[in-house]
Amino acid sequence: MNDFKRLRNFKNNNEFIYMSKTTEHKVKASELELKEKVVSINRVTKTTKGGRTFSFSALVVVGNEAGVVGHGLGKAKEVQEAINKGIEDAKKNLIKVPVMKGTIPHDQLAKEGAAKVFIKPAAHGTGVIAGGSMRAVLESAGVTDVLAKSLGSANPHNVVRATIKALSLLREPMRVARTRHLSLKKVFTGQ
């Protein structure tokens, strides 16, 4: 199927252009030592004829604190089982993040649902200036100095997805220099 037919199949052209810009670097979980962080646990109640049944959903972020991060959602009747399912789901969705000297290479804005996030590189010693959901993702990725702001909805599911989308859109300076046929100095200084 050629590109014109594929383009026609999308609902609008902007969606196709945006998808072509994403550069996700998938990683296998088998050879990594991952640490997990539970972002949120939600108790869900279903009312039936026999009474109420409770179940739990857990949003989990995993990462090796060295540039690899992923998120997952687990649902079960017990909290621990939901967390374990979330960890397994997160291990299937790992991406590689370019971390340079403890910070990110450039500013990035990303949107997921009603949640918008903005992440910006910071000087050494700044720390992770971010809210709860974003902090879990950034720390799991191994970012130690960053300024981050959640601009839209505070729904942890969408904030985590938007943060991971922002991290996946980051590009390394070496790759930018190679793509644009520029020297590394010109990428950093613009001269």
C-alpha atoms as a PDB file:
ATOM      1  CA  MET A   1       0.000   0.000   0.000  1.00  0.00           C
ATOM      2  CA  ASN A   2       1.586   3.292  -1.067  1.00  0.00           C
ATOM      3  CA  ASP A   3       1.811   6.451   1.047  1.00  0.00           C
ATOM      4  CA  PHE A   4      -1.092   8.234  -0.698  1.00  0.00           C
ATOM      5  CA  LYS A   5      -3.564   5.444   0.095  1.00  0.00           C
ATOM      6  CA  ARG A   6      -2.275   5.286   3.680  1.00  0.00           C
ATOM      7  CA  LEU A   7      -2.673   9.066   3.986  1.00  0.00           C
ATOM      8  CA  ARG A   8      -6.269   8.865   2.735  1.00  0.00           C
ATOM      9  CA  ASN A   9      -7.094   6.206   5.353  1.00  0.00           C
ATOM     10  CA  PHE A  10      -6.292   8.573   8.225  1.00  0.00           C
ATOM     11  CA  LYS A  11      -9.146  10.789   9.409  1.00  0.00           C
ATOM     12  CA  ASN A  12      -7.104  14.000   8.998  1.00  0.00           C
ATOM     13  CA  ASN A  13      -3.687  14.844   7.623  1.00  0.00           C
ATOM     14  CA  ASN A  14      -2.393  16.337  10.887  1.00  0.00           C
ATOM     15  CA  GLU A  15      -2.641  12.958  12.604  1.00  0.00           C
ATOM     16  CA  PHE A  16      -0.407  11.401   9.910  1.00  0.00           C
ATOM     17  CA  ILE A  17       2.174  14.202  10.142  1.00  0.00           C
ATOM     18  CA  TYR A  18       2.262  14.019  13.953  1.00  0.00           C
ATOM     19  CA  MET A  19       2.695  10.241  13.917  1.00  0.00           C
ATOM     20  CA  SER A  20       5.608  10.478  11.510  1.00  0.00           C
ATOM     21  CA  LYS A  21       7.488  12.731  13.963  1.00  0.00           C
ATOM     22  CA  THR A  22       7.386  10.275  16.870  1.00  0.00           C
ATOM     23  CA  THR A  23      10.570   8.281  17.266  1.00  0.00           C
ATOM     24  CA  GLU A  24       9.900   5.611  19.857  1.00  0.00           C
ATOM     25  CA  HIS A  25      12.867   3.409  20.639  1.00  0.00           C
ATOM     26  CA  LYS A  26      11.387   0.134  21.903  1.00  0.00           C
ATOM     27  CA  VAL A  27      13.464  -1.806  24.436  1.00  0.00           C
ATOM     28  CA  LYS A  28      13.226  -5.420  25.660  1.00  0.00           C
ATOM     29  CA  ALA A  29      12.741  -5.844  29.420  1.00  0.00           C
ATOM     30  CA  SER A  30      14.540  -9.192  29.715  1.00  0.00           C
ATOM     31  CA  GLU A  31      18.100  -7.831  29.985  1.00  0.00           C
ATOM     32  CA  LEU A  32      17.298  -4.839  32.248  1.00  0.00           C
ATOM     33  CA  GLU A  33      17.041  -4.438  36.015  1.00  0.00           C
ATOM     34  CA  LEU A  34      13.849  -2.395  36.397  1.00  0.00           C
ATOM     35  CA  LYS A  35      12.456  -0.556  39.415  1.00  0.00           C
ATOM     36  CA  GLU A  36       8.725  -0.009  39.696  1.00  0.00           C
ATOM     37  CA  LYS A  37       6.719   2.893  41.142  1.00  0.00           C
ATOM     38  CA  VAL A  38       2.970   2.826  41.744  1.00  0.00           C
ATOM     39  CA  VAL A  39       1.501   6.143  40.553  1.00  0.00           C
ATOM     40  CA  SER A  40      -2.138   5.601  41.503  1.00  0.00           C
ATOM     41  CA  ILE A  41      -4.503   2.916  42.767  1.00  0.00           C
ATOM     42  CA  ASN A  42      -8.191   3.300  42.028  1.00  0.00           C
ATOM     43  CA  ARG A  43     -10.958   1.312  43.729  1.00  0.00           C
ATOM     44  CA  VAL A  44     -13.798   0.531  41.339  1.00  0.00           C
ATOM     45  CA  THR A  45     -17.243  -0.471  42.650  1.00  0.00           C
ATOM     46  CA  LYS A  46     -19.789  -2.360  40.564  1.00  0.00           C
ATOM     47  CA  THR A  47     -23.298  -2.660  41.971  1.00  0.00           C
ATOM     48  CA  THR A  48     -25.002  -5.936  41.088  1.00  0.00           C
ATOM     49  CA  LYS A  49     -28.164  -7.734  42.204  1.00  0.00           C
ATOM     50  CA  GLY A  50     -26.230  -9.554  44.925  1.00  0.00           C
ATOM     51  CA  GLY A  51     -24.576  -6.382  46.294  1.00  0.00           C
ATOM     52  CA  ARG A  52     -21.424  -4.485  45.524  1.00  0.00           C
ATOM     53  CA  THR A  53     -18.263  -5.990  44.030  1.00  0.00           C
ATOM     54  CA  PHE A  54     -14.950  -4.175  44.448  1.00  0.00           C
ATOM     55  CA  SER A  55     -11.988  -4.294  42.099  1.00  0.00           C
ATOM     56  CA  PHE A  56      -8.801  -2.270  41.845  1.00  0.00           C
ATOM     57  CA  SER A  57      -6.879  -0.674  39.007  1.00  0.00           C
ATOM     58  CA  ALA A  58      -3.209   0.260  39.439  1.00  0.00           C
ATOM     59  CA  LEU A  59      -1.166   2.629  37.265  1.00  0.00           C
ATOM     60  CA  VAL A  60       2.515   1.616  37.430  1.00  0.00           C
ATOM     61  CA  VAL A  61       5.700   3.159  35.997  1.00  0.00           C
ATOM     62  CA  VAL A  62       8.868   1.063  35.579  1.00  0.00           C
ATOM     63  CA  GLY A  63      12.370   2.172  34.639  1.00  0.00           C
ATOM     64  CA  ASN A  64      16.042   1.392  35.098  1.00  0.00           C
ATOM     65  CA  GLU A  65      16.951   5.012  36.049  1.00  0.00           C
ATOM     66  CA  ALA A  66      19.378   5.054  33.118  1.00  0.00           C
ATOM     67  CA  GLY A  67      17.245   6.133  30.151  1.00  0.00           C
ATOM     68  CA  VAL A  68      14.603   3.384  29.921  1.00  0.00           C
ATOM     69  CA  VAL A  69      11.007   3.911  31.093  1.00  0.00           C
ATOM     70  CA  GLY A  70       7.532   2.434  30.552  1.00  0.00           C
ATOM     71  CA  HIS A  71       4.028   2.550  32.011  1.00  0.00           C
ATOM     72  CA  GLY A  72       1.267   0.001  32.488  1.00  0.00           C
ATOM     73  CA  LEU A  73      -2.228  -0.481  33.867  1.00  0.00           C
ATOM     74  CA  GLY A  74      -3.332  -3.539  35.842  1.00  0.00           C
ATOM     75  CA  LYS A  75      -6.839  -4.464  36.994  1.00  0.00           C
ATOM     76  CA  ALA A  76      -7.746  -7.180  39.494  1.00  0.00           C
ATOM     77  CA  LYS A  77      -9.868  -8.040  42.539  1.00  0.00           C
ATOM     78  CA  GLU A  78      -6.848  -7.575  44.857  1.00  0.00           C
ATOM     79  CA  VAL A  79      -4.490  -4.583  45.076  1.00  0.00           C
ATOM     80  CA  GLN A  80      -1.245  -6.592  44.890  1.00  0.00           C
ATOM     81  CA  GLU A  81      -2.478  -8.589  41.911  1.00  0.00           C
ATOM     82  CA  ALA A  82      -3.431  -5.353  40.105  1.00  0.00           C
ATOM     83  CA  ILE A  83       0.047  -3.915  40.773  1.00  0.00           C
ATOM     84  CA  ASN A  84       1.723  -7.100  39.467  1.00  0.00           C
ATOM     85  CA  LYS A  85      -0.396  -6.979  36.289  1.00  0.00           C
ATOM     86  CA  GLY A  86       0.509  -3.292  35.871  1.00  0.00           C
ATOM     87  CA  ILE A  87       4.232  -4.110  36.165  1.00  0.00           C
ATOM     88  CA  GLU A  88       3.929  -6.836  33.508  1.00  0.00           C
ATOM     89  CA  ASP A  89       2.044  -4.430  31.202  1.00  0.00           C
ATOM     90  CA  ALA A  90       4.665  -1.704  31.759  1.00  0.00           C
ATOM     91  CA  LYS A  91       7.498  -4.079  30.814  1.00  0.00           C
ATOM     92  CA  LYS A  92       5.863  -4.508  27.390  1.00  0.00           C
ATOM     93  CA  ASN A  93       5.827  -0.724  26.740  1.00  0.00           C
ATOM     94  CA  LEU A  94       9.427   0.338  27.415  1.00  0.00           C
ATOM     95  CA  ILE A  95      11.042   3.207  25.503  1.00  0.00           C
ATOM     96  CA  LYS A  96      14.599   4.612  25.405  1.00  0.00           C
ATOM     97  CA  VAL A  97      15.002   8.241  26.499  1.00  0.00           C
ATOM     98  CA  PRO A  98      18.036  10.423  25.659  1.00  0.00           C
ATOM     99  CA  VAL A  99      19.397  11.599  29.039  1.00  0.00           C
ATOM    100  CA  MET A 100      22.429  13.902  28.854  1.00  0.00           C
ATOM    101  CA  LYS A 101      24.314  14.763  32.067  1.00  0.00           C
ATOM    102  CA  GLY A 102      21.192  14.073  34.130  1.00  0.00           C
ATOM    103  CA  THR A 103      18.860  16.293  32.086  1.00  0.00           C
ATOM    104  CA  ILE A 104      17.007  16.228  28.760  1.00  0.00           C
ATOM    105  CA  PRO A 105      18.455  17.630  25.499  1.00  0.00           C
ATOM    106  CA  HIS A 106      15.740  20.240  24.746  1.00  0.00           C
ATOM    107  CA  ASP A 107      12.289  21.619  25.671  1.00  0.00           C
ATOM    108  CA  GLN A 108       9.316  19.446  24.739  1.00  0.00           C
ATOM    109  CA  LEU A 109       5.549  19.889  24.861  1.00  0.00           C
ATOM    110  CA  ALA A 110       3.167  16.914  24.549  1.00  0.00           C
ATOM    111  CA  LYS A 111      -0.572  16.338  24.830  1.00  0.00           C
ATOM    112  CA  GLU A 112      -2.622  13.260  25.699  1.00  0.00           C
ATOM    113  CA  GLY A 113      -6.379  13.635  26.057  1.00  0.00           C
ATOM    114  CA  ALA A 114      -6.936  16.809  28.101  1.00  0.00           C
ATOM    115  CA  ALA A 115      -3.494  16.606  29.760  1.00  0.00           C
ATOM    116  CA  LYS A 116      -0.681  18.802  28.449  1.00  0.00           C
ATOM    117  CA  VAL A 117       2.854  18.583  29.799  1.00  0.00           C
ATOM    118  CA  PHE A 118       5.898  20.782  29.252  1.00  0.00           C
ATOM    119  CA  ILE A 119       9.384  19.565  30.148  1.00  0.00           C
ATOM    120  CA  LYS A 120      12.483  21.738  30.047  1.00  0.00           C
ATOM    121  CA  PRO A 121      16.178  21.008  30.697  1.00  0.00           C
ATOM    122  CA  ALA A 122      17.664  22.389  33.926  1.00  0.00           C
ATOM    123  CA  ALA A 123      21.133  23.108  35.299  1.00  0.00           C
ATOM    124  CA  HIS A 124      22.954  20.518  37.399  1.00  0.00           C
ATOM    125  CA  GLY A 125      21.711  20.552  41.017  1.00  0.00           C
ATOM    126  CA  THR A 126      18.181  21.763  40.218  1.00  0.00           C
ATOM    127  CA  GLY A 127      16.514  18.429  40.926  1.00  0.00           C
ATOM    128  CA  VAL A 128      13.245  17.135  39.508  1.00  0.00           C
ATOM    129  CA  ILE A 129      10.744  19.998  39.700  1.00  0.00           C
ATOM    130  CA  ALA A 130       7.540  18.171  38.750  1.00  0.00           C
ATOM    131  CA  GLY A 131       4.181  17.009  40.090  1.00  0.00           C
ATOM    132  CA  GLY A 132       3.473  13.507  41.411  1.00  0.00           C
ATOM    133  CA  SER A 133       2.612  11.622  38.205  1.00  0.00           C
ATOM    134  CA  MET A 134       5.273  13.363  36.110  1.00  0.00           C
ATOM    135  CA  ARG A 135       7.888  12.980  38.860  1.00  0.00           C
ATOM    136  CA  ALA A 136       7.453   9.171  38.901  1.00  0.00           C
ATOM    137  CA  VAL A 137       8.026   8.941  35.134  1.00  0.00           C
ATOM    138  CA  LEU A 138      11.001  11.343  35.060  1.00  0.00           C
ATOM    139  CA  GLU A 139      12.753   9.724  38.042  1.00  0.00           C
ATOM    140  CA  SER A 140      12.213   6.236  36.600  1.00  0.00           C
ATOM    141  CA  ALA A 141      13.760   7.425  33.329  1.00  0.00           C
ATOM    142  CA  GLY A 142      16.880   8.575  35.186  1.00  0.00           C
ATOM    143  CA  VAL A 143      16.401  12.332  34.739  1.00  0.00           C
ATOM    144  CA  THR A 144      17.873  14.101  37.798  1.00  0.00           C
ATOM    145  CA  ASP A 145      17.561  17.773  36.757  1.00  0.00           C
ATOM    146  CA  VAL A 146      14.451  18.966  34.921  1.00  0.00           C
ATOM    147  CA  LEU A 147      11.724  21.607  35.087  1.00  0.00           C
ATOM    148  CA  ALA A 148       8.273  20.216  34.304  1.00  0.00           C
ATOM    149  CA  LYS A 149       4.756  21.618  34.305  1.00  0.00           C
ATOM    150  CA  SER A 150       1.413  19.893  33.843  1.00  0.00           C
ATOM    151  CA  LEU A 151      -0.788  22.419  32.033  1.00  0.00           C
ATOM    152  CA  GLY A 152      -4.104  20.641  31.508  1.00  0.00           C
ATOM    153  CA  SER A 153      -5.984  17.866  33.261  1.00  0.00           C
ATOM    154  CA  ALA A 154      -4.530  16.350  36.439  1.00  0.00           C
ATOM    155  CA  ASN A 155      -5.807  12.841  35.577  1.00  0.00           C
ATOM    156  CA  PRO A 156      -2.758  10.648  36.395  1.00  0.00           C
ATOM    157  CA  HIS A 157      -3.373   8.251  33.482  1.00  0.00           C
ATOM    158  CA  ASN A 158      -3.273  11.007  30.862  1.00  0.00           C
ATOM    159  CA  VAL A 159      -0.429  12.903  32.594  1.00  0.00           C
ATOM    160  CA  VAL A 160       1.754   9.756  32.607  1.00  0.00           C
ATOM    161  CA  ARG A 161       0.952   9.041  28.941  1.00  0.00           C
ATOM    162  CA  ALA A 162       1.661  12.661  27.950  1.00  0.00           C
ATOM    163  CA  THR A 163       4.981  12.642  29.852  1.00  0.00           C
ATOM    164  CA  ILE A 164       6.084   9.415  28.153  1.00  0.00           C
ATOM    165  CA  LYS A 165       5.030  10.855  24.788  1.00  0.00           C
ATOM    166  CA  ALA A 166       7.116  13.991  25.490  1.00  0.00           C
ATOM    167  CA  LEU A 167      10.131  11.839  26.426  1.00  0.00           C
ATOM    168  CA  SER A 168       9.732   9.723  23.278  1.00  0.00           C
ATOM    169  CA  LEU A 169       9.742  12.874  21.100  1.00  0.00           C
ATOM    170  CA  LEU A 170      13.152  13.983  22.457  1.00  0.00           C
ATOM    171  CA  ARG A 171      16.038  13.759  19.976  1.00  0.00           C
ATOM    172  CA  GLU A 172      19.745  13.403  20.692  1.00  0.00           C
ATOM    173  CA  PRO A 173      22.041  16.180  19.387  1.00  0.00           C
ATOM    174  CA  MET A 174      24.157  13.650  17.456  1.00  0.00           C
ATOM    175  CA  ARG A 175      21.073  12.416  15.577  1.00  0.00           C
ATOM    176  CA  VAL A 176      19.944  15.994  14.819  1.00  0.00           C
ATOM    177  CA  ALA A 177      23.424  16.872  13.528  1.00  0.00           C
ATOM    178  CA  ARG A 178      23.476  13.758  11.310  1.00  0.00           C
ATOM    179  CA  THR A 179      19.953  14.395   9.964  1.00  0.00           C
ATOM    180  CA  ARG A 180      20.584  18.070   9.156  1.00  0.00           C
ATOM    181  CA  HIS A 181      24.172  17.507   7.958  1.00  0.00           C
ATOM    182  CA  LEU A 182      25.530  20.019  10.497  1.00  0.00           C
ATOM    183  CA  SER A 183      28.404  19.998  12.944  1.00  0.00           C
ATOM    184  CA  LEU A 184      27.619  19.291  16.593  1.00  0.00           C
ATOM    185  CA  LYS A 185      28.856  22.780  17.523  1.00  0.00           C
ATOM    186  CA  LYS A 186      26.382  24.399  15.125  1.00  0.00           C
ATOM    187  CA  VAL A 187      23.492  22.358  16.620  1.00  0.00           C
ATOM    188  CA  PHE A 188      24.291  23.650  20.124  1.00  0.00           C
ATOM    189  CA  THR A 189      25.283  27.273  19.360  1.00  0.00           C
ATOM    190  CA  GLY A 190      23.439  27.940  16.098  1.00  0.00           C
ATOM    191  CA  GLN A 191      26.581  29.393  14.466  1.00  0.00           C
END
